[in-house]
N, C-alpha and C. Protein backbone atom coordinates (compact mmCIF):
# COMPACT_ATOMS: atom_id res chain seq x y z
N MET A 1 122.28 82.77 75.64
CA MET A 1 123.50 82.04 75.87
C MET A 1 124.14 82.52 77.18
N THR A 2 124.80 81.59 77.84
CA THR A 2 125.48 81.87 79.09
C THR A 2 126.97 81.62 78.90
N SER A 3 127.79 82.56 79.34
CA SER A 3 129.24 82.39 79.24
C SER A 3 129.74 81.68 80.49
N ILE A 4 130.55 80.64 80.27
CA ILE A 4 131.14 79.88 81.37
C ILE A 4 132.63 79.70 81.11
N VAL A 5 133.35 79.33 82.15
CA VAL A 5 134.77 78.98 82.04
C VAL A 5 134.90 77.57 82.58
N LEU A 6 135.51 76.70 81.81
CA LEU A 6 135.70 75.32 82.25
C LEU A 6 136.75 75.27 83.35
N THR A 7 136.45 74.51 84.41
CA THR A 7 137.41 74.31 85.49
C THR A 7 138.11 72.97 85.35
N HIS A 8 137.59 72.12 84.46
CA HIS A 8 138.16 70.80 84.16
C HIS A 8 138.06 70.56 82.66
N PRO A 9 138.92 69.71 82.10
CA PRO A 9 138.76 69.36 80.68
C PRO A 9 137.38 68.76 80.45
N HIS A 10 136.80 69.03 79.31
CA HIS A 10 135.44 68.57 79.02
C HIS A 10 135.23 68.48 77.52
N THR A 11 134.45 67.51 77.10
CA THR A 11 134.07 67.39 75.70
C THR A 11 132.66 67.93 75.56
N HIS A 12 132.50 68.96 74.75
CA HIS A 12 131.19 69.58 74.53
C HIS A 12 130.88 69.57 73.05
N ALA A 13 129.72 69.05 72.70
CA ALA A 13 129.28 68.96 71.30
C ALA A 13 130.33 68.26 70.44
N GLY A 14 130.95 67.21 71.00
CA GLY A 14 131.92 66.42 70.26
C GLY A 14 133.30 67.05 70.14
N GLN A 15 133.52 68.17 70.78
CA GLN A 15 134.81 68.85 70.68
C GLN A 15 135.45 68.92 72.07
N ALA A 16 136.72 68.51 72.16
CA ALA A 16 137.43 68.53 73.43
C ALA A 16 137.87 69.96 73.76
N HIS A 17 137.67 70.33 75.03
CA HIS A 17 138.06 71.66 75.51
C HIS A 17 138.92 71.49 76.76
N LYS A 18 139.87 72.39 76.94
CA LYS A 18 140.77 72.35 78.09
C LYS A 18 140.20 73.19 79.23
N ALA A 19 140.65 72.91 80.45
CA ALA A 19 140.29 73.74 81.60
C ALA A 19 140.76 75.17 81.32
N GLY A 20 139.94 76.14 81.67
CA GLY A 20 140.27 77.54 81.45
C GLY A 20 139.65 78.13 80.19
N GLU A 21 139.15 77.27 79.31
CA GLU A 21 138.53 77.79 78.08
C GLU A 21 137.16 78.36 78.39
N ARG A 22 136.80 79.40 77.65
CA ARG A 22 135.48 80.01 77.79
C ARG A 22 134.55 79.45 76.71
N LEU A 23 133.32 79.16 77.12
CA LEU A 23 132.32 78.67 76.19
C LEU A 23 131.03 79.45 76.38
N ASP A 24 130.25 79.59 75.32
CA ASP A 24 128.90 80.12 75.41
C ASP A 24 127.96 78.94 75.18
N VAL A 25 127.15 78.63 76.21
CA VAL A 25 126.24 77.50 76.14
C VAL A 25 124.86 77.96 76.60
N ASP A 26 123.83 77.15 76.31
CA ASP A 26 122.49 77.52 76.77
C ASP A 26 122.43 77.42 78.30
N GLY A 27 121.44 78.04 78.88
CA GLY A 27 121.33 78.15 80.33
C GLY A 27 121.29 76.82 81.06
N SER A 28 120.54 75.84 80.53
CA SER A 28 120.43 74.55 81.22
C SER A 28 121.76 73.79 81.18
N THR A 29 122.48 73.90 80.08
CA THR A 29 123.80 73.25 79.98
C THR A 29 124.77 73.91 80.95
N ALA A 30 124.73 75.25 81.02
CA ALA A 30 125.60 75.96 81.96
C ALA A 30 125.30 75.54 83.39
N ASP A 31 124.01 75.45 83.74
CA ASP A 31 123.62 75.03 85.09
C ASP A 31 124.15 73.64 85.40
N TRP A 32 124.05 72.72 84.44
CA TRP A 32 124.50 71.34 84.65
C TRP A 32 126.01 71.30 84.84
N LEU A 33 126.74 72.00 83.98
CA LEU A 33 128.20 72.01 84.08
C LEU A 33 128.67 72.60 85.41
N ILE A 34 128.02 73.66 85.85
CA ILE A 34 128.38 74.30 87.11
C ILE A 34 128.02 73.40 88.29
N ALA A 35 126.83 72.80 88.26
CA ALA A 35 126.40 71.92 89.35
C ALA A 35 127.30 70.70 89.50
N ASN A 36 127.89 70.26 88.40
CA ASN A 36 128.76 69.09 88.42
C ASN A 36 130.24 69.44 88.57
N GLY A 37 130.54 70.70 88.86
CA GLY A 37 131.91 71.12 89.12
C GLY A 37 132.82 71.13 87.91
N ILE A 38 132.23 71.21 86.72
CA ILE A 38 133.02 71.18 85.49
C ILE A 38 133.32 72.60 85.01
N ALA A 39 132.50 73.56 85.42
CA ALA A 39 132.65 74.93 84.95
C ALA A 39 132.21 75.90 86.04
N ARG A 40 132.48 77.17 85.79
CA ARG A 40 132.01 78.25 86.67
C ARG A 40 131.51 79.36 85.76
N HIS A 41 130.73 80.27 86.33
CA HIS A 41 130.27 81.41 85.55
C HIS A 41 131.46 82.24 85.11
N ASP A 42 131.39 82.80 83.91
CA ASP A 42 132.43 83.68 83.40
C ASP A 42 132.19 85.05 83.99
N ARG A 43 133.09 85.51 84.83
CA ARG A 43 132.91 86.79 85.51
C ARG A 43 133.41 87.97 84.66
N GLN A 44 134.07 87.67 83.56
CA GLN A 44 134.57 88.72 82.69
C GLN A 44 133.48 89.15 81.73
N ALA A 45 133.36 90.42 81.52
CA ALA A 45 132.35 90.92 80.58
C ALA A 45 132.69 90.49 79.16
N ALA A 46 131.67 90.25 78.39
CA ALA A 46 131.87 89.86 77.00
C ALA A 46 132.47 91.04 76.25
N PRO A 47 133.40 90.78 75.33
CA PRO A 47 134.00 91.88 74.57
C PRO A 47 132.95 92.59 73.72
N VAL A 48 133.05 93.90 73.66
CA VAL A 48 132.13 94.69 72.85
C VAL A 48 132.72 94.81 71.46
N PRO A 49 131.98 94.39 70.43
CA PRO A 49 132.52 94.50 69.08
C PRO A 49 132.77 95.96 68.71
N GLN A 50 133.92 96.21 68.13
CA GLN A 50 134.28 97.56 67.73
C GLN A 50 133.97 97.74 66.25
N PRO A 51 133.42 98.90 65.89
CA PRO A 51 133.14 99.13 64.46
C PRO A 51 134.44 99.22 63.68
N GLU A 52 134.37 98.77 62.44
CA GLU A 52 135.56 98.87 61.59
C GLU A 52 135.80 100.34 61.28
N SER A 53 137.05 100.70 61.24
CA SER A 53 137.38 102.10 61.05
C SER A 53 138.49 102.24 60.03
N ASP A 54 138.60 103.43 59.48
CA ASP A 54 139.68 103.69 58.52
C ASP A 54 140.88 104.32 59.21
N GLY A 55 140.89 104.30 60.55
CA GLY A 55 142.02 104.84 61.30
C GLY A 55 141.78 106.22 61.87
N THR A 56 140.73 106.91 61.40
CA THR A 56 140.45 108.24 61.94
C THR A 56 139.68 108.08 63.25
N PRO A 57 139.95 108.96 64.22
CA PRO A 57 139.25 108.84 65.50
C PRO A 57 137.74 109.04 65.33
N LEU A 58 136.98 108.29 66.10
CA LEU A 58 135.53 108.41 66.04
C LEU A 58 135.09 109.58 66.92
N GLU A 59 134.17 110.37 66.40
CA GLU A 59 133.62 111.48 67.17
C GLU A 59 132.37 110.99 67.89
N PRO A 60 132.21 111.33 69.15
CA PRO A 60 131.01 110.90 69.86
C PRO A 60 129.78 111.57 69.26
N LYS A 61 128.68 110.82 69.21
CA LYS A 61 127.44 111.38 68.71
C LYS A 61 126.83 112.27 69.78
N THR A 62 126.36 113.41 69.35
CA THR A 62 125.69 114.29 70.30
C THR A 62 124.22 114.34 69.93
N THR A 63 123.39 114.37 70.93
CA THR A 63 121.96 114.48 70.69
C THR A 63 121.45 115.70 71.43
N GLN A 64 120.55 116.41 70.80
CA GLN A 64 119.97 117.57 71.45
C GLN A 64 118.64 117.16 72.05
N ARG A 65 118.40 117.65 73.24
CA ARG A 65 117.18 117.32 73.95
C ARG A 65 116.41 118.60 74.21
N LYS A 66 115.14 118.57 73.90
CA LYS A 66 114.30 119.75 74.15
C LYS A 66 113.76 119.67 75.57
N GLU A 67 113.87 120.77 76.27
CA GLU A 67 113.32 120.85 77.63
C GLU A 67 111.87 121.29 77.52
N SER A 68 111.05 120.77 78.42
CA SER A 68 109.66 121.18 78.43
C SER A 68 109.53 122.63 78.90
N LYS A 69 108.47 123.29 78.50
CA LYS A 69 108.29 124.70 78.84
C LYS A 69 107.46 124.88 80.11
N SER A 70 107.36 123.89 80.93
CA SER A 70 106.55 124.03 82.14
C SER A 70 107.32 124.52 83.32
């Protein structure tokens, strides 16, 4: 999927969207929308899902690495 931002109002998959809305579409649809001036690539990184928590701070995982003996 490719993230895009609409630069003009557009109906996608039967649903009306306003300019400025972000959509995830397949690559060929994104290319078509961009080539026709309807959208631009979304330059903002996709949000990273956060694990559910009980409110306690998460401790970073530490891994031990063995060094070679050479």
